[in-house]
Each structure stands twice: as C-alpha cells, then as structure tokens.
N, C-alpha and C. Protein backbone atom coordinates (compact mmCIF):
# COMPACT_ATOMS: atom_id res chain seq x y z
N MET A 1 -9.18 5.75 -16.82
CA MET A 1 -9.02 4.57 -16.00
C MET A 1 -7.69 4.60 -15.23
N LEU A 2 -6.66 5.09 -15.88
CA LEU A 2 -5.35 5.17 -15.23
C LEU A 2 -5.40 6.04 -13.98
N ASP A 3 -6.19 7.10 -14.03
CA ASP A 3 -6.33 7.96 -12.85
C ASP A 3 -6.90 7.19 -11.66
N THR A 4 -7.80 6.26 -11.95
CA THR A 4 -8.37 5.44 -10.88
C THR A 4 -7.28 4.60 -10.22
N TYR A 5 -6.42 4.00 -11.02
CA TYR A 5 -5.33 3.19 -10.46
C TYR A 5 -4.33 4.06 -9.70
N ARG A 6 -4.06 5.22 -10.22
CA ARG A 6 -3.17 6.15 -9.52
C ARG A 6 -3.76 6.48 -8.14
N GLN A 7 -5.06 6.78 -8.11
CA GLN A 7 -5.72 7.09 -6.84
C GLN A 7 -5.72 5.89 -5.90
N MET A 8 -5.91 4.69 -6.45
CA MET A 8 -5.91 3.50 -5.60
C MET A 8 -4.54 3.27 -4.97
N PHE A 9 -3.47 3.54 -5.70
CA PHE A 9 -2.14 3.37 -5.12
C PHE A 9 -1.81 4.48 -4.14
N GLU A 10 -2.37 5.68 -4.34
CA GLU A 10 -2.23 6.73 -3.33
C GLU A 10 -2.94 6.31 -2.05
N TYR A 11 -4.13 5.72 -2.22
CA TYR A 11 -4.87 5.20 -1.07
C TYR A 11 -4.06 4.10 -0.37
N ASN A 12 -3.51 3.18 -1.15
CA ASN A 12 -2.74 2.07 -0.60
C ASN A 12 -1.55 2.58 0.21
N GLU A 13 -0.87 3.59 -0.31
CA GLU A 13 0.26 4.17 0.40
C GLU A 13 -0.21 4.81 1.72
N TRP A 14 -1.34 5.51 1.68
CA TRP A 14 -1.90 6.13 2.89
C TRP A 14 -2.24 5.06 3.92
N ALA A 15 -2.88 3.97 3.49
CA ALA A 15 -3.27 2.91 4.42
C ALA A 15 -2.03 2.23 5.02
N ASN A 16 -1.03 1.97 4.19
CA ASN A 16 0.21 1.39 4.71
C ASN A 16 0.86 2.32 5.72
N ARG A 17 0.87 3.60 5.42
CA ARG A 17 1.48 4.58 6.32
C ARG A 17 0.72 4.63 7.65
N ASN A 18 -0.61 4.54 7.60
CA ASN A 18 -1.39 4.53 8.86
C ASN A 18 -1.03 3.33 9.72
N ILE A 19 -0.86 2.18 9.08
CA ILE A 19 -0.47 0.98 9.83
C ILE A 19 0.93 1.17 10.42
N ILE A 20 1.86 1.65 9.61
CA ILE A 20 3.23 1.89 10.08
C ILE A 20 3.23 2.86 11.27
N ASP A 21 2.48 3.94 11.14
CA ASP A 21 2.41 4.93 12.23
C ASP A 21 1.88 4.30 13.51
N ALA A 22 0.85 3.47 13.38
CA ALA A 22 0.29 2.82 14.57
C ALA A 22 1.29 1.85 15.19
N LEU A 23 2.03 1.14 14.35
CA LEU A 23 2.98 0.14 14.86
C LEU A 23 4.23 0.78 15.45
N SER A 24 4.52 2.00 15.06
CA SER A 24 5.73 2.64 15.57
C SER A 24 5.65 2.88 17.08
N GLY A 25 4.45 2.88 17.63
CA GLY A 25 4.28 3.08 19.07
C GLY A 25 4.22 1.79 19.87
N ILE A 26 4.38 0.66 19.19
CA ILE A 26 4.31 -0.64 19.86
C ILE A 26 5.72 -1.12 20.18
N GLN A 27 5.89 -1.72 21.32
CA GLN A 27 7.19 -2.23 21.74
C GLN A 27 7.73 -3.24 20.72
N PRO A 28 9.01 -3.18 20.39
CA PRO A 28 9.59 -4.10 19.40
C PRO A 28 9.32 -5.58 19.70
N ALA A 29 9.34 -5.95 20.96
CA ALA A 29 9.09 -7.35 21.32
C ALA A 29 7.67 -7.78 20.92
N GLU A 30 6.72 -6.86 21.00
CA GLU A 30 5.34 -7.18 20.61
C GLU A 30 5.21 -7.36 19.09
N LEU A 31 6.06 -6.65 18.34
CA LEU A 31 6.01 -6.77 16.88
C LEU A 31 6.48 -8.13 16.40
N THR A 32 7.35 -8.78 17.16
CA THR A 32 7.90 -10.07 16.74
C THR A 32 7.33 -11.25 17.55
N LYS A 33 6.49 -10.95 18.51
CA LYS A 33 5.89 -11.99 19.34
C LYS A 33 5.01 -12.91 18.48
N PRO A 34 5.12 -14.23 18.67
CA PRO A 34 4.29 -15.16 17.89
C PRO A 34 2.80 -14.93 18.13
N ARG A 35 2.04 -14.97 17.04
CA ARG A 35 0.60 -14.75 17.09
C ARG A 35 -0.09 -15.81 16.23
N LYS A 36 -1.37 -16.02 16.49
CA LYS A 36 -2.15 -16.93 15.67
C LYS A 36 -2.75 -16.14 14.52
N SER A 37 -2.10 -16.21 13.38
CA SER A 37 -2.55 -15.49 12.20
C SER A 37 -1.93 -16.17 10.98
N THR A 38 -2.14 -15.61 9.83
CA THR A 38 -1.57 -16.19 8.62
C THR A 38 -0.05 -16.22 8.69
N PHE A 39 0.55 -15.17 9.26
CA PHE A 39 2.00 -15.09 9.44
C PHE A 39 2.29 -15.06 10.92
N PRO A 40 3.50 -15.47 11.32
CA PRO A 40 3.76 -15.68 12.75
C PRO A 40 3.78 -14.44 13.64
N SER A 41 3.90 -13.24 13.07
CA SER A 41 3.96 -12.05 13.92
C SER A 41 3.45 -10.84 13.15
N ILE A 42 3.30 -9.74 13.87
CA ILE A 42 2.92 -8.48 13.23
C ILE A 42 4.00 -8.07 12.22
N LYS A 43 5.25 -8.14 12.65
CA LYS A 43 6.35 -7.76 11.76
C LYS A 43 6.36 -8.64 10.50
N ASP A 44 6.19 -9.94 10.67
CA ASP A 44 6.19 -10.84 9.50
C ASP A 44 5.02 -10.54 8.56
N THR A 45 3.89 -10.16 9.10
CA THR A 45 2.74 -9.81 8.25
C THR A 45 3.03 -8.54 7.48
N LEU A 46 3.61 -7.56 8.15
CA LEU A 46 3.97 -6.32 7.47
C LEU A 46 5.03 -6.57 6.40
N ILE A 47 6.00 -7.41 6.70
CA ILE A 47 7.03 -7.75 5.71
C ILE A 47 6.39 -8.47 4.52
N HIS A 48 5.39 -9.30 4.77
CA HIS A 48 4.70 -9.97 3.66
C HIS A 48 4.00 -8.96 2.75
N ILE A 49 3.36 -7.96 3.33
CA ILE A 49 2.73 -6.90 2.52
C ILE A 49 3.80 -6.22 1.67
N LEU A 50 4.86 -5.79 2.32
CA LEU A 50 5.95 -5.12 1.63
C LEU A 50 6.54 -6.01 0.54
N SER A 51 6.80 -7.24 0.87
CA SER A 51 7.42 -8.17 -0.07
C SER A 51 6.53 -8.38 -1.29
N SER A 52 5.25 -8.56 -1.07
CA SER A 52 4.32 -8.77 -2.19
C SER A 52 4.27 -7.55 -3.10
N GLU A 53 4.23 -6.37 -2.49
CA GLU A 53 4.22 -5.14 -3.31
C GLU A 53 5.53 -5.01 -4.08
N TRP A 54 6.64 -5.37 -3.46
CA TRP A 54 7.95 -5.31 -4.12
C TRP A 54 8.04 -6.32 -5.25
N VAL A 55 7.60 -7.56 -5.00
CA VAL A 55 7.66 -8.61 -6.03
C VAL A 55 6.85 -8.19 -7.26
N TRP A 56 5.63 -7.69 -7.05
CA TRP A 56 4.82 -7.28 -8.20
C TRP A 56 5.42 -6.08 -8.92
N LEU A 57 5.99 -5.16 -8.19
CA LEU A 57 6.65 -4.03 -8.82
C LEU A 57 7.79 -4.52 -9.71
N GLN A 58 8.57 -5.47 -9.22
CA GLN A 58 9.65 -6.01 -10.04
C GLN A 58 9.11 -6.67 -11.31
N ARG A 59 8.04 -7.42 -11.17
CA ARG A 59 7.42 -8.06 -12.34
C ARG A 59 6.93 -7.03 -13.34
N TRP A 60 6.32 -5.95 -12.85
CA TRP A 60 5.84 -4.90 -13.76
C TRP A 60 7.00 -4.28 -14.53
N LYS A 61 8.16 -4.24 -13.89
CA LYS A 61 9.35 -3.65 -14.54
C LYS A 61 10.06 -4.65 -15.44
N GLY A 62 9.56 -5.89 -15.51
CA GLY A 62 10.14 -6.89 -16.41
C GLY A 62 11.12 -7.85 -15.77
N TYR A 63 11.25 -7.82 -14.45
CA TYR A 63 12.17 -8.71 -13.75
C TYR A 63 11.41 -9.92 -13.21
N THR A 64 12.15 -10.96 -12.88
CA THR A 64 11.55 -12.17 -12.33
C THR A 64 12.18 -12.47 -10.97
N PRO A 65 11.62 -11.93 -9.91
CA PRO A 65 12.17 -12.24 -8.58
C PRO A 65 12.01 -13.73 -8.28
N GLU A 66 13.05 -14.31 -7.73
CA GLU A 66 12.99 -15.73 -7.40
C GLU A 66 12.58 -15.97 -5.96
N LEU A 67 12.79 -14.96 -5.13
CA LEU A 67 12.46 -15.08 -3.71
C LEU A 67 11.79 -13.81 -3.23
N PRO A 68 10.89 -13.93 -2.26
CA PRO A 68 10.33 -12.72 -1.64
C PRO A 68 11.37 -12.10 -0.71
N LEU A 69 11.08 -10.92 -0.23
CA LEU A 69 11.94 -10.30 0.77
C LEU A 69 11.92 -11.15 2.03
N ASN A 70 13.00 -11.09 2.79
CA ASN A 70 13.16 -11.93 3.96
C ASN A 70 13.13 -11.08 5.22
N SER A 71 12.55 -11.60 6.26
CA SER A 71 12.47 -10.90 7.54
C SER A 71 13.86 -10.49 8.05
N LYS A 72 14.87 -11.29 7.75
CA LYS A 72 16.23 -10.99 8.21
C LYS A 72 16.80 -9.75 7.52
N ASP A 73 16.19 -9.37 6.38
CA ASP A 73 16.64 -8.16 5.67
C ASP A 73 16.24 -6.89 6.40
N PHE A 74 15.42 -7.01 7.44
CA PHE A 74 14.87 -5.85 8.14
C PHE A 74 15.11 -5.99 9.64
N PRO A 75 16.34 -5.70 10.06
CA PRO A 75 16.66 -5.86 11.49
C PRO A 75 15.95 -4.85 12.37
N THR A 76 15.56 -3.70 11.79
CA THR A 76 14.87 -2.68 12.58
C THR A 76 13.55 -2.31 11.91
N PHE A 77 12.68 -1.78 12.71
CA PHE A 77 11.39 -1.31 12.18
C PHE A 77 11.63 -0.18 11.18
N ARG A 78 12.62 0.65 11.46
CA ARG A 78 12.95 1.77 10.57
C ARG A 78 13.40 1.28 9.20
N SER A 79 14.16 0.19 9.15
CA SER A 79 14.62 -0.34 7.86
C SER A 79 13.43 -0.85 7.03
N LEU A 80 12.46 -1.42 7.70
CA LEU A 80 11.25 -1.88 7.03
C LEU A 80 10.46 -0.68 6.49
N GLN A 81 10.32 0.33 7.32
CA GLN A 81 9.60 1.55 6.95
C GLN A 81 10.27 2.22 5.75
N SER A 82 11.57 2.27 5.75
CA SER A 82 12.32 2.89 4.67
C SER A 82 12.12 2.15 3.35
N CYS A 83 12.14 0.83 3.41
CA CYS A 83 11.93 0.03 2.20
C CYS A 83 10.51 0.22 1.67
N LEU A 84 9.53 0.28 2.56
CA LEU A 84 8.15 0.51 2.14
C LEU A 84 8.01 1.87 1.46
N ASP A 85 8.67 2.89 1.99
CA ASP A 85 8.66 4.21 1.36
C ASP A 85 9.26 4.15 -0.05
N THR A 86 10.35 3.41 -0.20
CA THR A 86 11.00 3.27 -1.51
C THR A 86 10.09 2.56 -2.50
N VAL A 87 9.46 1.49 -2.06
CA VAL A 87 8.54 0.75 -2.95
C VAL A 87 7.38 1.64 -3.36
N SER A 88 6.83 2.40 -2.43
CA SER A 88 5.72 3.31 -2.76
C SER A 88 6.14 4.34 -3.80
N GLU A 89 7.33 4.89 -3.62
CA GLU A 89 7.83 5.89 -4.57
C GLU A 89 8.03 5.26 -5.95
N GLU A 90 8.58 4.06 -6.00
CA GLU A 90 8.78 3.38 -7.28
C GLU A 90 7.45 2.99 -7.93
N GLN A 91 6.46 2.64 -7.12
CA GLN A 91 5.12 2.37 -7.68
C GLN A 91 4.57 3.63 -8.35
N ARG A 92 4.70 4.78 -7.68
CA ARG A 92 4.23 6.05 -8.26
C ARG A 92 4.94 6.33 -9.58
N GLU A 93 6.25 6.17 -9.61
CA GLU A 93 7.01 6.41 -10.83
C GLU A 93 6.57 5.47 -11.96
N PHE A 94 6.34 4.21 -11.62
CA PHE A 94 5.89 3.24 -12.62
C PHE A 94 4.54 3.65 -13.19
N ILE A 95 3.60 3.96 -12.31
CA ILE A 95 2.24 4.32 -12.74
C ILE A 95 2.27 5.61 -13.54
N ASP A 96 3.08 6.57 -13.14
CA ASP A 96 3.16 7.84 -13.86
C ASP A 96 3.67 7.67 -15.29
N ALA A 97 4.42 6.60 -15.54
CA ALA A 97 4.95 6.35 -16.88
C ALA A 97 3.98 5.58 -17.77
N LEU A 98 2.84 5.14 -17.23
CA LEU A 98 1.87 4.36 -17.99
C LEU A 98 0.89 5.25 -18.74
N ASP A 99 0.24 4.67 -19.74
CA ASP A 99 -0.95 5.29 -20.31
C ASP A 99 -2.08 4.25 -20.21
N ASN A 100 -3.29 4.66 -20.53
CA ASN A 100 -4.45 3.77 -20.36
C ASN A 100 -4.29 2.45 -21.08
N ALA A 101 -3.72 2.46 -22.28
CA ALA A 101 -3.56 1.23 -23.06
C ALA A 101 -2.66 0.23 -22.35
N ASP A 102 -1.69 0.71 -21.59
CA ASP A 102 -0.77 -0.18 -20.88
C ASP A 102 -1.50 -1.08 -19.88
N LEU A 103 -2.58 -0.59 -19.33
CA LEU A 103 -3.32 -1.37 -18.33
C LEU A 103 -3.87 -2.67 -18.92
N PHE A 104 -4.05 -2.71 -20.24
CA PHE A 104 -4.63 -3.88 -20.89
C PHE A 104 -3.60 -4.77 -21.56
N LYS A 105 -2.33 -4.49 -21.31
CA LYS A 105 -1.26 -5.34 -21.83
C LYS A 105 -1.14 -6.58 -20.97
N THR A 106 -0.77 -7.68 -21.63
CA THR A 106 -0.58 -8.94 -20.92
C THR A 106 0.78 -8.95 -20.25
N LEU A 107 0.76 -9.33 -18.99
CA LEU A 107 1.98 -9.46 -18.21
C LEU A 107 2.20 -10.96 -17.99
N SER A 108 3.25 -11.48 -18.59
CA SER A 108 3.59 -12.90 -18.41
C SER A 108 4.67 -12.98 -17.35
N ILE A 109 4.44 -13.82 -16.35
CA ILE A 109 5.35 -13.91 -15.22
C ILE A 109 5.68 -15.37 -14.92
N ILE A 110 6.72 -15.55 -14.15
CA ILE A 110 7.00 -16.84 -13.52
C ILE A 110 6.80 -16.58 -12.03
N ASN A 111 5.82 -17.25 -11.43
CA ASN A 111 5.54 -16.98 -10.02
C ASN A 111 6.61 -17.60 -9.13
N LEU A 112 6.49 -17.40 -7.84
CA LEU A 112 7.51 -17.86 -6.91
C LEU A 112 7.54 -19.38 -6.78
N LYS A 113 6.55 -20.07 -7.35
CA LYS A 113 6.54 -21.53 -7.39
C LYS A 113 7.19 -22.04 -8.68
N GLY A 114 7.58 -21.10 -9.56
CA GLY A 114 8.19 -21.48 -10.83
C GLY A 114 7.19 -21.71 -11.95
N GLU A 115 5.93 -21.36 -11.72
CA GLU A 115 4.87 -21.58 -12.71
C GLU A 115 4.72 -20.36 -13.62
N ASN A 116 4.49 -20.60 -14.91
CA ASN A 116 4.22 -19.53 -15.86
C ASN A 116 2.76 -19.11 -15.75
N ARG A 117 2.54 -17.82 -15.66
CA ARG A 117 1.19 -17.27 -15.57
C ARG A 117 1.13 -16.00 -16.41
N SER A 118 -0.09 -15.66 -16.87
CA SER A 118 -0.30 -14.42 -17.62
C SER A 118 -1.55 -13.73 -17.11
N TYR A 119 -1.44 -12.41 -16.93
CA TYR A 119 -2.55 -11.58 -16.46
C TYR A 119 -2.48 -10.25 -17.19
N LEU A 120 -3.59 -9.55 -17.19
CA LEU A 120 -3.55 -8.17 -17.66
C LEU A 120 -2.93 -7.32 -16.56
N LEU A 121 -2.20 -6.30 -16.95
CA LEU A 121 -1.53 -5.45 -15.96
C LEU A 121 -2.50 -4.92 -14.92
N TRP A 122 -3.69 -4.44 -15.37
CA TRP A 122 -4.63 -3.87 -14.41
C TRP A 122 -5.05 -4.89 -13.36
N GLN A 123 -5.13 -6.18 -13.75
CA GLN A 123 -5.53 -7.21 -12.80
C GLN A 123 -4.49 -7.37 -11.70
N THR A 124 -3.22 -7.32 -12.08
CA THR A 124 -2.16 -7.47 -11.08
C THR A 124 -2.09 -6.26 -10.17
N MET A 125 -2.37 -5.09 -10.73
CA MET A 125 -2.36 -3.88 -9.91
C MET A 125 -3.49 -3.92 -8.89
N MET A 126 -4.67 -4.35 -9.31
CA MET A 126 -5.79 -4.45 -8.38
C MET A 126 -5.52 -5.53 -7.34
N HIS A 127 -4.87 -6.60 -7.76
CA HIS A 127 -4.50 -7.67 -6.83
C HIS A 127 -3.62 -7.13 -5.70
N VAL A 128 -2.65 -6.30 -6.04
CA VAL A 128 -1.76 -5.74 -5.03
C VAL A 128 -2.56 -4.96 -3.99
N ILE A 129 -3.50 -4.14 -4.45
CA ILE A 129 -4.32 -3.35 -3.53
C ILE A 129 -5.14 -4.27 -2.61
N CYS A 130 -5.84 -5.24 -3.22
CA CYS A 130 -6.69 -6.14 -2.43
C CYS A 130 -5.87 -6.99 -1.47
N HIS A 131 -4.74 -7.49 -1.92
CA HIS A 131 -3.87 -8.31 -1.09
C HIS A 131 -3.37 -7.54 0.12
N SER A 132 -2.92 -6.32 -0.11
CA SER A 132 -2.43 -5.51 1.00
C SER A 132 -3.56 -5.19 1.98
N ASN A 133 -4.76 -4.91 1.46
CA ASN A 133 -5.92 -4.65 2.33
C ASN A 133 -6.18 -5.83 3.25
N TYR A 134 -6.17 -7.02 2.68
CA TYR A 134 -6.44 -8.22 3.46
C TYR A 134 -5.48 -8.33 4.65
N HIS A 135 -4.20 -8.19 4.37
CA HIS A 135 -3.21 -8.36 5.44
C HIS A 135 -3.16 -7.18 6.40
N ARG A 136 -3.50 -5.98 5.93
CA ARG A 136 -3.63 -4.86 6.88
C ARG A 136 -4.76 -5.15 7.87
N GLY A 137 -5.81 -5.81 7.41
CA GLY A 137 -6.89 -6.22 8.31
C GLY A 137 -6.40 -7.18 9.38
N GLU A 138 -5.52 -8.09 8.99
CA GLU A 138 -4.94 -9.00 9.97
C GLU A 138 -4.11 -8.24 11.00
N ILE A 139 -3.34 -7.27 10.53
CA ILE A 139 -2.53 -6.47 11.46
C ILE A 139 -3.45 -5.70 12.40
N ASN A 140 -4.54 -5.16 11.88
CA ASN A 140 -5.49 -4.46 12.75
C ASN A 140 -6.03 -5.38 13.83
N THR A 141 -6.32 -6.62 13.48
CA THR A 141 -6.80 -7.59 14.47
C THR A 141 -5.75 -7.82 15.55
N MET A 142 -4.48 -7.94 15.13
CA MET A 142 -3.41 -8.15 16.10
C MET A 142 -3.22 -6.91 16.98
N ILE A 143 -3.41 -5.72 16.41
CA ILE A 143 -3.33 -4.48 17.22
C ILE A 143 -4.44 -4.50 18.28
N CYS A 144 -5.63 -4.93 17.90
CA CYS A 144 -6.75 -5.02 18.87
C CYS A 144 -6.43 -6.04 19.97
N GLU A 145 -5.77 -7.13 19.61
CA GLU A 145 -5.38 -8.12 20.61
C GLU A 145 -4.41 -7.55 21.64
N LEU A 146 -3.70 -6.50 21.24
CA LEU A 146 -2.78 -5.81 22.17
C LEU A 146 -3.49 -4.72 22.95
N ASN A 147 -4.83 -4.70 22.89
CA ASN A 147 -5.67 -3.69 23.52
C ASN A 147 -5.52 -2.32 22.88
N GLY A 148 -5.09 -2.31 21.63
CA GLY A 148 -5.01 -1.06 20.89
C GLY A 148 -6.29 -0.82 20.11
N SER A 149 -6.35 0.30 19.46
CA SER A 149 -7.50 0.63 18.62
C SER A 149 -7.17 0.33 17.17
N PRO A 150 -8.14 -0.20 16.42
CA PRO A 150 -7.88 -0.48 15.01
C PRO A 150 -7.56 0.81 14.26
N VAL A 151 -6.75 0.68 13.23
CA VAL A 151 -6.28 1.82 12.46
C VAL A 151 -7.19 2.00 11.24
N ALA A 152 -7.51 3.24 10.93
CA ALA A 152 -8.33 3.52 9.75
C ALA A 152 -7.53 3.15 8.50
N THR A 153 -8.06 2.20 7.73
CA THR A 153 -7.42 1.83 6.47
C THR A 153 -8.45 1.67 5.35
N ASP A 154 -9.70 1.99 5.61
CA ASP A 154 -10.76 1.84 4.61
C ASP A 154 -10.63 2.90 3.52
N LEU A 155 -10.98 2.51 2.31
CA LEU A 155 -10.95 3.43 1.18
C LEU A 155 -11.82 4.66 1.45
N LEU A 156 -13.00 4.45 2.01
CA LEU A 156 -13.89 5.59 2.24
C LEU A 156 -13.39 6.50 3.36
N ALA A 157 -12.65 5.95 4.30
CA ALA A 157 -12.01 6.81 5.32
C ALA A 157 -10.98 7.71 4.65
N TYR A 158 -10.26 7.17 3.69
CA TYR A 158 -9.29 7.95 2.92
C TYR A 158 -10.01 9.02 2.11
N GLU A 159 -11.10 8.64 1.43
CA GLU A 159 -11.86 9.60 0.63
C GLU A 159 -12.44 10.71 1.51
N ASP A 160 -12.93 10.35 2.69
CA ASP A 160 -13.45 11.37 3.62
C ASP A 160 -12.35 12.34 4.03
N LEU A 161 -11.17 11.80 4.29
CA LEU A 161 -10.04 12.65 4.65
C LEU A 161 -9.71 13.63 3.52
N LEU A 162 -9.71 13.15 2.29
CA LEU A 162 -9.45 14.04 1.15
C LEU A 162 -10.54 15.09 1.03
N LYS A 163 -11.79 14.65 1.18
CA LYS A 163 -12.91 15.58 1.07
C LYS A 163 -12.82 16.65 2.15
N ASP A 164 -12.55 16.22 3.38
CA ASP A 164 -12.44 17.18 4.48
C ASP A 164 -11.31 18.17 4.25
N SER A 165 -10.18 17.69 3.71
CA SER A 165 -9.07 18.60 3.48
C SER A 165 -9.39 19.58 2.36
N ARG A 166 -10.16 19.15 1.37
CA ARG A 166 -10.57 20.07 0.29
C ARG A 166 -11.53 21.13 0.82
N GLU A 167 -12.41 20.73 1.74
CA GLU A 167 -13.38 21.68 2.30
C GLU A 167 -12.71 22.72 3.18
N GLU A 168 -11.53 22.40 3.69
CA GLU A 168 -10.81 23.34 4.55
C GLU A 168 -9.92 24.29 3.76
N THR A 169 -10.01 24.23 2.43
CA THR A 169 -9.19 25.10 1.59
C THR A 169 -9.54 26.56 1.91
N LEU A 170 -8.52 27.37 2.06
CA LEU A 170 -8.72 28.77 2.41
C LEU A 170 -9.23 29.58 1.23
N ASP A 171 -9.97 30.65 1.50
CA ASP A 171 -10.44 31.56 0.45
C ASP A 171 -9.28 32.06 -0.39
N GLY A 172 -9.51 32.10 -1.69
CA GLY A 172 -8.51 32.67 -2.59
C GLY A 172 -7.46 31.69 -3.06
N PHE A 173 -7.49 30.46 -2.58
CA PHE A 173 -6.53 29.47 -3.02
C PHE A 173 -7.22 28.50 -3.97
N VAL A 174 -6.44 27.86 -4.81
CA VAL A 174 -6.98 26.87 -5.73
C VAL A 174 -6.95 25.52 -5.02
N ASN A 175 -8.10 24.82 -5.02
CA ASN A 175 -8.12 23.53 -4.36
C ASN A 175 -7.65 22.43 -5.31
N GLU A 176 -7.71 21.16 -4.86
CA GLU A 176 -7.17 20.05 -5.64
C GLU A 176 -7.86 19.87 -7.00
N ARG A 177 -9.06 20.32 -7.15
CA ARG A 177 -9.77 20.17 -8.43
C ARG A 177 -9.66 21.43 -9.28
N ASN A 178 -8.73 22.30 -8.91
CA ASN A 178 -8.50 23.54 -9.64
C ASN A 178 -9.72 24.44 -9.70
N LEU A 179 -10.49 24.43 -8.65
CA LEU A 179 -11.63 25.33 -8.54
C LEU A 179 -11.23 26.49 -7.64
N PHE A 180 -11.49 27.67 -8.07
CA PHE A 180 -11.16 28.83 -7.25
C PHE A 180 -12.20 28.93 -6.14
N VAL A 181 -11.74 28.98 -4.91
CA VAL A 181 -12.64 28.96 -3.77
C VAL A 181 -12.77 30.36 -3.18
N THR A 182 -14.01 30.82 -3.09
CA THR A 182 -14.30 32.08 -2.41
C THR A 182 -15.54 31.86 -1.57
N ASP A 183 -15.86 32.84 -0.74
CA ASP A 183 -17.09 32.71 0.07
C ASP A 183 -18.31 32.60 -0.82
N SER A 184 -18.32 33.25 -1.98
CA SER A 184 -19.51 33.26 -2.82
C SER A 184 -19.77 31.95 -3.55
N ASN A 185 -18.76 31.08 -3.72
CA ASN A 185 -19.03 29.84 -4.43
C ASN A 185 -18.81 28.59 -3.58
N ARG A 186 -18.84 28.74 -2.25
CA ARG A 186 -18.75 27.57 -1.37
C ARG A 186 -20.07 26.88 -1.26
C-alpha cells in the first residue's frame, strides 16, 4: 500500500511541475491579475496548493502550523517554484521513512481554525493529492481563459507517460521493473 502512496506523490509532483512549466511562459502581470475563481489570481491559487501541501507536511512531521504560507513570501515566480521543489523533496523523504503500518496511525492535529481533529495518516495523504488536483483544475481553467491550452495533469496521462518511457527502453538495458529487455522478449 505504501508503494501506491509513493506513486501518487510522484504523480502529484509531476502534475505540479507541469502546471509550473506552463505558467512560466505567462506574463507576470497575468499571474497576479484578478480572476473569478476560488482564489483571486493564478498565483494565489498556486500558492494555496503549495501552502496546503506544506501545512500537511508539517503536521505529518508533528508540528502545528498556525498560519498558511502567505503570497507576500513569494515575490517572484522562481521563489514559489523553489519552495514547491523543497516541499516535494521533503514529502519524498517523509514517505520513504514510512512503513505500511504508519499509514494507519492516527494523526491528531489542530487545524488552522484552532479545532482539534483526528484522521488516519493515509486519509490526510490522499486529501493532499485530491486537494491539489482540484486547484490545478482551476488553474487550467484560468490558463484557458488566457487563450492557452490546458496542461496535462491527469493521473492516466502520467501513467501513459511512464508506460511510453518504459517501452522506449533500449535493448540490453534494465527497465523500471527490472526486466531485461531484448528484441526476443518485447
């Protein structure tokens, strides 16, 4: 089961990176321009994704964040991108230190409203993935409003990309599943 969560966070990192890559080509003024969405701008929506992932990571590590990350903490798009890279790396390190039994441990938290809540660790991890997906969808909508093309962020698009890269493995090399690939066993 832990491998599934590891794969889901790899997918989440890929989807976040696709959004970041697409936004890097948009004029800075468009990133902060007010929009009709859950958050006032593309940048604010991206910061909300980052902040939520950061807050949950802190909770998993036993800390109680009192405030989410603030838009003012990210004066440049690059600073936001750098923080997202750091959070992704720390998520990987956290997950790598877990075993299957840890997923079923109760995580007691104080939410940002000051309320005590308890969840199983796996539930909070799945919440992070679903929450980020939801808001990446909002960013995709805002990209379309700018006459751009929506960015691939679907899980199956990620799986297809992995499958395609495995199929392109050269003869004589070991692929991701440790299968020796030759012309005779393709």
